[in-house]
Amino acid sequence: MTTCADVILLALKDINLIDENETPSSAVLSDSFTTLKQMLNLWQIDGASIYATQDVTFTPTGALSYTIGATGTVNTVARPDSVKYIYHVVGTLSYPMLDMLATRDEYESISLKSLQSLPYCAYYEPSYPNGTLFIYPQPNSGTIHFGIDAAFTDYTAAANDLLLPPEYAMPIRFNLGAILGATLGIGVPARIEKLAQDTKRVLDRNNLLIPRHKSNSFVSHTAKFQGDL
């Protein structure tokens, strides 16, 4: 298994900070590990860098909102940056919330917020340290499903295994090298800068998912079917 330290050592060799038989000082290794974590934190909010969507479920209680995160009322590994989809399940039927509000102003414009019924819209605010999910109207039964980007591991030491699909190792190596070369003031070799761009582009293209276009007839048929239930 590849560790964070393995990738860091390769990145430092790529930018000629250390040679093949040399090990970095503890200070350089520590700073490089911190930089690696910061880079992955930035990639976490870059949708093209995420390899999977996690489905989260919880039982609604009729509350106006729910906190989402490591210490939230709905527990997730980390506070999500956005919600990809959301729907309400009652028995064997799923009711999608087709109106995902874009701003807090849109939610606040709802005059009667405390209405309990099948929900048809939601708003997610990436507050900190936990996000906040508002649902309208408020259900008090069934199950809420929503999708979030899979969270990268919050590594605690350079010796930790790099818990990512294997195709991430090379983009991380070269992009980390490019950042370290710039921040340490030793410059970034042109070949490393190009490899950083090229490997990240391949990774992003592999992760890119383009939603299938839904024709008007499909939407109309789906709406009619749901209305007939």
C-alpha atoms as a PDB file:
ATOM      1  CA  MET A   1       0.000   0.000   0.000  1.00  0.00           C
ATOM      2  CA  THR A   2       1.275   3.459  -0.937  1.00  0.00           C
ATOM      3  CA  THR A   3       1.636   5.846   1.997  1.00  0.00           C
ATOM      4  CA  CYS A   4       1.501   9.631   2.082  1.00  0.00           C
ATOM      5  CA  ALA A   5       5.252   9.607   2.799  1.00  0.00           C
ATOM      6  CA  ASP A   6       5.911   7.504  -0.326  1.00  0.00           C
ATOM      7  CA  VAL A   7       4.230  10.087  -2.538  1.00  0.00           C
ATOM      8  CA  ILE A   8       5.927  12.972  -0.734  1.00  0.00           C
ATOM      9  CA  LEU A   9       9.391  11.428  -1.247  1.00  0.00           C
ATOM     10  CA  LEU A  10       8.744  10.970  -4.972  1.00  0.00           C
ATOM     11  CA  ALA A  11       7.526  14.580  -5.246  1.00  0.00           C
ATOM     12  CA  LEU A  12      10.649  15.891  -3.500  1.00  0.00           C
ATOM     13  CA  LYS A  13      12.889  13.838  -5.795  1.00  0.00           C
ATOM     14  CA  ASP A  14      10.986  15.086  -8.857  1.00  0.00           C
ATOM     15  CA  ILE A  15      11.833  18.692  -7.999  1.00  0.00           C
ATOM     16  CA  ASN A  16      15.451  17.780  -7.112  1.00  0.00           C
ATOM     17  CA  LEU A  17      15.164  18.739  -3.463  1.00  0.00           C
ATOM     18  CA  ILE A  18      16.572  15.373  -2.436  1.00  0.00           C
ATOM     19  CA  ASP A  19      18.475  12.750  -4.411  1.00  0.00           C
ATOM     20  CA  GLU A  20      17.806   9.027  -4.751  1.00  0.00           C
ATOM     21  CA  ASN A  21      19.717   8.061  -1.604  1.00  0.00           C
ATOM     22  CA  GLU A  22      18.674  10.987   0.588  1.00  0.00           C
ATOM     23  CA  THR A  23      15.830  11.423   3.035  1.00  0.00           C
ATOM     24  CA  PRO A  24      14.230  14.796   3.800  1.00  0.00           C
ATOM     25  CA  SER A  25      14.608  16.475   7.160  1.00  0.00           C
ATOM     26  CA  SER A  26      11.749  16.083   9.621  1.00  0.00           C
ATOM     27  CA  ALA A  27      10.827  19.737   9.066  1.00  0.00           C
ATOM     28  CA  VAL A  28      10.618  19.339   5.270  1.00  0.00           C
ATOM     29  CA  LEU A  29       8.630  16.105   5.607  1.00  0.00           C
ATOM     30  CA  SER A  30       6.231  17.753   8.062  1.00  0.00           C
ATOM     31  CA  ASP A  31       5.723  20.816   5.861  1.00  0.00           C
ATOM     32  CA  SER A  32       5.249  18.618   2.787  1.00  0.00           C
ATOM     33  CA  PHE A  33       2.658  16.501   4.596  1.00  0.00           C
ATOM     34  CA  THR A  34       0.774  19.634   5.649  1.00  0.00           C
ATOM     35  CA  THR A  35       0.867  20.864   2.048  1.00  0.00           C
ATOM     36  CA  LEU A  36      -0.438  17.494   0.823  1.00  0.00           C
ATOM     37  CA  LYS A  37      -3.409  17.744   3.199  1.00  0.00           C
ATOM     38  CA  GLN A  38      -4.119  21.321   2.122  1.00  0.00           C
ATOM     39  CA  MET A  39      -4.014  20.327  -1.541  1.00  0.00           C
ATOM     40  CA  LEU A  40      -6.465  17.463  -0.978  1.00  0.00           C
ATOM     41  CA  ASN A  41      -8.755  19.795   0.989  1.00  0.00           C
ATOM     42  CA  LEU A  42      -8.854  22.051  -2.065  1.00  0.00           C
ATOM     43  CA  TRP A  43      -9.474  19.091  -4.364  1.00  0.00           C
ATOM     44  CA  GLN A  44     -12.380  18.084  -2.115  1.00  0.00           C
ATOM     45  CA  ILE A  45     -14.385  21.102  -3.268  1.00  0.00           C
ATOM     46  CA  ASP A  46     -13.392  20.564  -6.898  1.00  0.00           C
ATOM     47  CA  GLY A  47     -16.174  18.342  -8.195  1.00  0.00           C
ATOM     48  CA  ALA A  48     -13.969  16.894 -10.946  1.00  0.00           C
ATOM     49  CA  SER A  49     -11.541  15.537  -8.335  1.00  0.00           C
ATOM     50  CA  ILE A  50     -14.141  13.396  -6.555  1.00  0.00           C
ATOM     51  CA  TYR A  51     -14.355   9.733  -7.504  1.00  0.00           C
ATOM     52  CA  ALA A  52     -17.728   8.753  -6.003  1.00  0.00           C
ATOM     53  CA  THR A  53     -21.012   9.958  -4.544  1.00  0.00           C
ATOM     54  CA  GLN A  54     -22.034   8.777  -1.074  1.00  0.00           C
ATOM     55  CA  ASP A  55     -25.698   8.139  -0.334  1.00  0.00           C
ATOM     56  CA  VAL A  56     -26.680   9.342   3.159  1.00  0.00           C
ATOM     57  CA  THR A  57     -29.964   8.455   4.844  1.00  0.00           C
ATOM     58  CA  PHE A  58     -31.781   9.611   7.955  1.00  0.00           C
ATOM     59  CA  THR A  59     -35.250   9.495   9.477  1.00  0.00           C
ATOM     60  CA  PRO A  60     -36.949  12.912   9.414  1.00  0.00           C
ATOM     61  CA  THR A  61     -38.522  14.184  12.631  1.00  0.00           C
ATOM     62  CA  GLY A  62     -40.526  17.114  11.273  1.00  0.00           C
ATOM     63  CA  ALA A  63     -37.722  19.572  12.104  1.00  0.00           C
ATOM     64  CA  LEU A  64     -37.208  22.655   9.936  1.00  0.00           C
ATOM     65  CA  SER A  65     -33.523  21.811   9.424  1.00  0.00           C
ATOM     66  CA  TYR A  66     -30.836  19.233  10.145  1.00  0.00           C
ATOM     67  CA  THR A  67     -27.115  19.726  10.705  1.00  0.00           C
ATOM     68  CA  ILE A  68     -24.878  17.562   8.521  1.00  0.00           C
ATOM     69  CA  GLY A  69     -21.316  16.660   9.503  1.00  0.00           C
ATOM     70  CA  ALA A  70     -19.076  14.852  11.946  1.00  0.00           C
ATOM     71  CA  THR A  71     -20.959  16.310  14.946  1.00  0.00           C
ATOM     72  CA  GLY A  72     -24.277  16.999  13.213  1.00  0.00           C
ATOM     73  CA  THR A  73     -27.695  15.516  13.801  1.00  0.00           C
ATOM     74  CA  VAL A  74     -27.008  13.595  10.580  1.00  0.00           C
ATOM     75  CA  ASN A  75     -23.524  12.137  10.940  1.00  0.00           C
ATOM     76  CA  THR A  76     -21.116  12.153   7.987  1.00  0.00           C
ATOM     77  CA  VAL A  77     -17.320  11.879   7.888  1.00  0.00           C
ATOM     78  CA  ALA A  78     -16.997  15.575   7.083  1.00  0.00           C
ATOM     79  CA  ARG A  79     -19.196  18.563   6.372  1.00  0.00           C
ATOM     80  CA  PRO A  80     -20.303  18.215   2.729  1.00  0.00           C
ATOM     81  CA  ASP A  81     -19.735  21.140   0.401  1.00  0.00           C
ATOM     82  CA  SER A  82     -22.946  20.515  -1.509  1.00  0.00           C
ATOM     83  CA  VAL A  83     -25.879  18.128  -1.892  1.00  0.00           C
ATOM     84  CA  LYS A  84     -26.052  16.358  -5.260  1.00  0.00           C
ATOM     85  CA  TYR A  85     -29.599  14.997  -5.014  1.00  0.00           C
ATOM     86  CA  ILE A  86     -32.277  14.491  -2.394  1.00  0.00           C
ATOM     87  CA  TYR A  87     -35.474  12.447  -2.208  1.00  0.00           C
ATOM     88  CA  HIS A  88     -38.006  11.185   0.329  1.00  0.00           C
ATOM     89  CA  VAL A  89     -38.899   7.494   0.610  1.00  0.00           C
ATOM     90  CA  VAL A  90     -42.230   6.371   2.051  1.00  0.00           C
ATOM     91  CA  GLY A  91     -42.740   2.624   2.009  1.00  0.00           C
ATOM     92  CA  THR A  92     -41.660   1.477  -1.449  1.00  0.00           C
ATOM     93  CA  LEU A  93     -42.183   4.840  -3.165  1.00  0.00           C
ATOM     94  CA  SER A  94     -39.547   7.512  -3.751  1.00  0.00           C
ATOM     95  CA  TYR A  95     -40.508  11.181  -4.033  1.00  0.00           C
ATOM     96  CA  PRO A  96     -37.701  13.311  -5.514  1.00  0.00           C
ATOM     97  CA  MET A  97     -37.344  16.905  -4.345  1.00  0.00           C
ATOM     98  CA  LEU A  98     -37.047  18.422  -7.793  1.00  0.00           C
ATOM     99  CA  ASP A  99     -36.541  21.991  -6.565  1.00  0.00           C
ATOM    100  CA  MET A 100     -33.096  22.322  -4.978  1.00  0.00           C
ATOM    101  CA  LEU A 101     -33.000  25.961  -3.873  1.00  0.00           C
ATOM    102  CA  ALA A 102     -29.825  27.819  -4.810  1.00  0.00           C
ATOM    103  CA  THR A 103     -29.747  30.520  -2.096  1.00  0.00           C
ATOM    104  CA  ARG A 104     -30.798  31.112   1.490  1.00  0.00           C
ATOM    105  CA  ASP A 105     -32.938  34.006   0.251  1.00  0.00           C
ATOM    106  CA  GLU A 106     -35.077  31.570  -1.745  1.00  0.00           C
ATOM    107  CA  TYR A 107     -35.697  29.487   1.357  1.00  0.00           C
ATOM    108  CA  GLU A 108     -36.392  32.522   3.535  1.00  0.00           C
ATOM    109  CA  SER A 109     -38.995  33.700   1.001  1.00  0.00           C
ATOM    110  CA  ILE A 110     -41.209  30.740   1.964  1.00  0.00           C
ATOM    111  CA  SER A 111     -43.887  32.348   4.124  1.00  0.00           C
ATOM    112  CA  LEU A 112     -45.185  29.317   6.037  1.00  0.00           C
ATOM    113  CA  LYS A 113     -42.104  27.248   6.811  1.00  0.00           C
ATOM    114  CA  SER A 114     -43.652  24.970   9.445  1.00  0.00           C
ATOM    115  CA  LEU A 115     -45.824  22.961   7.088  1.00  0.00           C
ATOM    116  CA  GLN A 116     -45.699  19.191   7.531  1.00  0.00           C
ATOM    117  CA  SER A 117     -46.322  17.198   4.374  1.00  0.00           C
ATOM    118  CA  LEU A 118     -44.431  15.450   1.562  1.00  0.00           C
ATOM    119  CA  PRO A 119     -41.390  17.653   0.833  1.00  0.00           C
ATOM    120  CA  TYR A 120     -40.813  19.016  -2.652  1.00  0.00           C
ATOM    121  CA  CYS A 121     -37.861  21.364  -2.162  1.00  0.00           C
ATOM    122  CA  ALA A 122     -34.687  21.654  -0.107  1.00  0.00           C
ATOM    123  CA  TYR A 123     -31.845  24.057   0.516  1.00  0.00           C
ATOM    124  CA  TYR A 124     -28.355  23.136   1.708  1.00  0.00           C
ATOM    125  CA  GLU A 125     -26.119  25.719   3.370  1.00  0.00           C
ATOM    126  CA  PRO A 126     -22.441  24.702   3.794  1.00  0.00           C
ATOM    127  CA  SER A 127     -22.183  26.304   7.227  1.00  0.00           C
ATOM    128  CA  TYR A 128     -19.256  25.345   9.486  1.00  0.00           C
ATOM    129  CA  PRO A 129     -18.367  23.092  11.292  1.00  0.00           C
ATOM    130  CA  ASN A 130     -21.557  21.307  10.182  1.00  0.00           C
ATOM    131  CA  GLY A 131     -23.653  22.070   7.120  1.00  0.00           C
ATOM    132  CA  THR A 132     -27.382  22.778   7.443  1.00  0.00           C
ATOM    133  CA  LEU A 133     -30.075  21.086   5.369  1.00  0.00           C
ATOM    134  CA  PHE A 134     -33.502  22.762   5.159  1.00  0.00           C
ATOM    135  CA  ILE A 135     -36.455  20.724   3.848  1.00  0.00           C
ATOM    136  CA  TYR A 136     -39.881  22.034   2.877  1.00  0.00           C
ATOM    137  CA  PRO A 137     -42.499  20.943   3.730  1.00  0.00           C
ATOM    138  CA  GLN A 138     -41.256  18.919   6.708  1.00  0.00           C
ATOM    139  CA  PRO A 139     -41.897  15.157   6.748  1.00  0.00           C
ATOM    140  CA  ASN A 140     -41.973  13.282  10.059  1.00  0.00           C
ATOM    141  CA  SER A 141     -41.915   9.750   8.684  1.00  0.00           C
ATOM    142  CA  GLY A 142     -40.200   7.693   6.008  1.00  0.00           C
ATOM    143  CA  THR A 143     -36.543   8.163   5.069  1.00  0.00           C
ATOM    144  CA  ILE A 144     -34.611  11.033   3.524  1.00  0.00           C
ATOM    145  CA  HIS A 145     -31.859  10.116   1.051  1.00  0.00           C
ATOM    146  CA  PHE A 146     -29.318  12.625  -0.194  1.00  0.00           C
ATOM    147  CA  GLY A 147     -26.052  12.403  -2.082  1.00  0.00           C
ATOM    148  CA  ILE A 148     -22.745  14.058  -1.209  1.00  0.00           C
ATOM    149  CA  ASP A 149     -19.224  13.846  -2.596  1.00  0.00           C
ATOM    150  CA  ALA A 150     -17.195  11.029  -1.054  1.00  0.00           C
ATOM    151  CA  ALA A 151     -14.877  12.623   1.517  1.00  0.00           C
ATOM    152  CA  PHE A 152     -11.113  12.249   1.284  1.00  0.00           C
ATOM    153  CA  THR A 153      -9.511  10.770   4.396  1.00  0.00           C
ATOM    154  CA  ASP A 154      -8.266  13.283   6.965  1.00  0.00           C
ATOM    155  CA  TYR A 155      -4.730  11.934   7.298  1.00  0.00           C
ATOM    156  CA  THR A 156      -2.998  12.340  10.653  1.00  0.00           C
ATOM    157  CA  ALA A 157       0.557  11.256   9.818  1.00  0.00           C
ATOM    158  CA  ALA A 158       2.798  10.931   6.775  1.00  0.00           C
ATOM    159  CA  ALA A 159       2.999   7.185   7.490  1.00  0.00           C
ATOM    160  CA  ASN A 160      -0.750   6.801   6.859  1.00  0.00           C
ATOM    161  CA  ASP A 161      -1.776   4.740   3.840  1.00  0.00           C
ATOM    162  CA  LEU A 162      -3.048   6.850   0.939  1.00  0.00           C
ATOM    163  CA  LEU A 163      -6.686   5.734   0.938  1.00  0.00           C
ATOM    164  CA  LEU A 164      -7.632   6.691  -2.594  1.00  0.00           C
ATOM    165  CA  PRO A 165      -8.044   4.768  -5.854  1.00  0.00           C
ATOM    166  CA  PRO A 166      -4.600   3.965  -7.334  1.00  0.00           C
ATOM    167  CA  GLU A 167      -5.065   6.378 -10.255  1.00  0.00           C
ATOM    168  CA  TYR A 168      -4.798   9.284  -7.784  1.00  0.00           C
ATOM    169  CA  ALA A 169      -1.153   8.564  -6.872  1.00  0.00           C
ATOM    170  CA  MET A 170       0.450  10.104  -9.966  1.00  0.00           C
ATOM    171  CA  PRO A 171      -1.638  13.331 -10.104  1.00  0.00           C
ATOM    172  CA  ILE A 172      -1.019  13.815  -6.373  1.00  0.00           C
ATOM    173  CA  ARG A 173       2.721  13.199  -6.806  1.00  0.00           C
ATOM    174  CA  PHE A 174       3.248  15.702  -9.618  1.00  0.00           C
ATOM    175  CA  ASN A 175       0.830  18.368  -8.374  1.00  0.00           C
ATOM    176  CA  LEU A 176       2.330  18.188  -4.885  1.00  0.00           C
ATOM    177  CA  GLY A 177       5.788  18.513  -6.432  1.00  0.00           C
ATOM    178  CA  ALA A 178       4.705  21.584  -8.384  1.00  0.00           C
ATOM    179  CA  ILE A 179       3.344  23.239  -5.241  1.00  0.00           C
ATOM    180  CA  LEU A 180       6.371  22.347  -3.118  1.00  0.00           C
ATOM    181  CA  GLY A 181       8.783  23.604  -5.784  1.00  0.00           C
ATOM    182  CA  ALA A 182       6.972  26.944  -5.843  1.00  0.00           C
ATOM    183  CA  THR A 183       6.533  27.324  -2.075  1.00  0.00           C
ATOM    184  CA  LEU A 184      10.048  26.204  -1.168  1.00  0.00           C
ATOM    185  CA  GLY A 185      11.501  28.666  -3.655  1.00  0.00           C
ATOM    186  CA  ILE A 186      13.518  26.124  -5.650  1.00  0.00           C
ATOM    187  CA  GLY A 187      11.451  26.382  -8.808  1.00  0.00           C
ATOM    188  CA  VAL A 188       9.355  23.839 -10.666  1.00  0.00           C
ATOM    189  CA  PRO A 189      10.952  21.894 -13.535  1.00  0.00           C
ATOM    190  CA  ALA A 190       8.948  22.405 -16.732  1.00  0.00           C
ATOM    191  CA  ARG A 191       8.454  18.651 -17.159  1.00  0.00           C
ATOM    192  CA  ILE A 192       6.944  18.381 -13.656  1.00  0.00           C
ATOM    193  CA  GLU A 193       4.613  21.311 -14.240  1.00  0.00           C
ATOM    194  CA  LYS A 194       3.394  19.698 -17.475  1.00  0.00           C
ATOM    195  CA  LEU A 195       2.968  16.285 -15.829  1.00  0.00           C
ATOM    196  CA  ALA A 196       0.998  17.949 -13.022  1.00  0.00           C
ATOM    197  CA  GLN A 197      -1.395  19.523 -15.511  1.00  0.00           C
ATOM    198  CA  ASP A 198      -1.672  16.465 -17.763  1.00  0.00           C
ATOM    199  CA  THR A 199      -2.267  13.893 -15.014  1.00  0.00           C
ATOM    200  CA  LYS A 200      -4.817  16.095 -13.223  1.00  0.00           C
ATOM    201  CA  ARG A 201      -6.644  16.603 -16.523  1.00  0.00           C
ATOM    202  CA  VAL A 202      -6.837  12.839 -17.096  1.00  0.00           C
ATOM    203  CA  LEU A 203      -8.083  12.281 -13.538  1.00  0.00           C
ATOM    204  CA  ASP A 204     -10.739  14.978 -13.843  1.00  0.00           C
ATOM    205  CA  ARG A 205     -11.898  13.647 -17.205  1.00  0.00           C
ATOM    206  CA  ASN A 206     -12.229  10.149 -15.751  1.00  0.00           C
ATOM    207  CA  ASN A 207     -14.329  11.454 -12.854  1.00  0.00           C
ATOM    208  CA  LEU A 208     -16.538  13.661 -15.010  1.00  0.00           C
ATOM    209  CA  LEU A 209     -20.144  12.494 -15.137  1.00  0.00           C
ATOM    210  CA  ILE A 210     -22.496  14.257 -17.542  1.00  0.00           C
ATOM    211  CA  PRO A 211     -26.193  13.854 -16.649  1.00  0.00           C
ATOM    212  CA  ARG A 212     -28.312  12.237 -19.334  1.00  0.00           C
ATOM    213  CA  HIS A 213     -30.605  14.695 -21.075  1.00  0.00           C
ATOM    214  CA  LYS A 214     -34.242  14.171 -20.129  1.00  0.00           C
ATOM    215  CA  SER A 215     -36.682  14.961 -22.886  1.00  0.00           C
ATOM    216  CA  ASN A 216     -39.825  16.975 -22.205  1.00  0.00           C
ATOM    217  CA  SER A 217     -41.921  13.887 -22.891  1.00  0.00           C
ATOM    218  CA  PHE A 218     -40.005  11.950 -20.228  1.00  0.00           C
ATOM    219  CA  VAL A 219     -40.464  14.727 -17.663  1.00  0.00           C
ATOM    220  CA  SER A 220     -44.175  15.063 -18.488  1.00  0.00           C
ATOM    221  CA  HIS A 221     -44.719  11.305 -18.290  1.00  0.00           C
ATOM    222  CA  THR A 222     -42.902  11.132 -14.933  1.00  0.00           C
ATOM    223  CA  ALA A 223     -44.919  14.029 -13.509  1.00  0.00           C
ATOM    224  CA  LYS A 224     -48.201  12.467 -14.694  1.00  0.00           C
ATOM    225  CA  PHE A 225     -47.230   9.091 -13.226  1.00  0.00           C
ATOM    226  CA  GLN A 226     -46.436  10.658  -9.835  1.00  0.00           C
ATOM    227  CA  GLY A 227     -49.677  12.669  -9.956  1.00  0.00           C
ATOM    228  CA  ASP A 228     -51.670   9.483 -10.539  1.00  0.00           C
ATOM    229  CA  LEU A 229     -50.265   7.808  -7.419  1.00  0.00           C
END
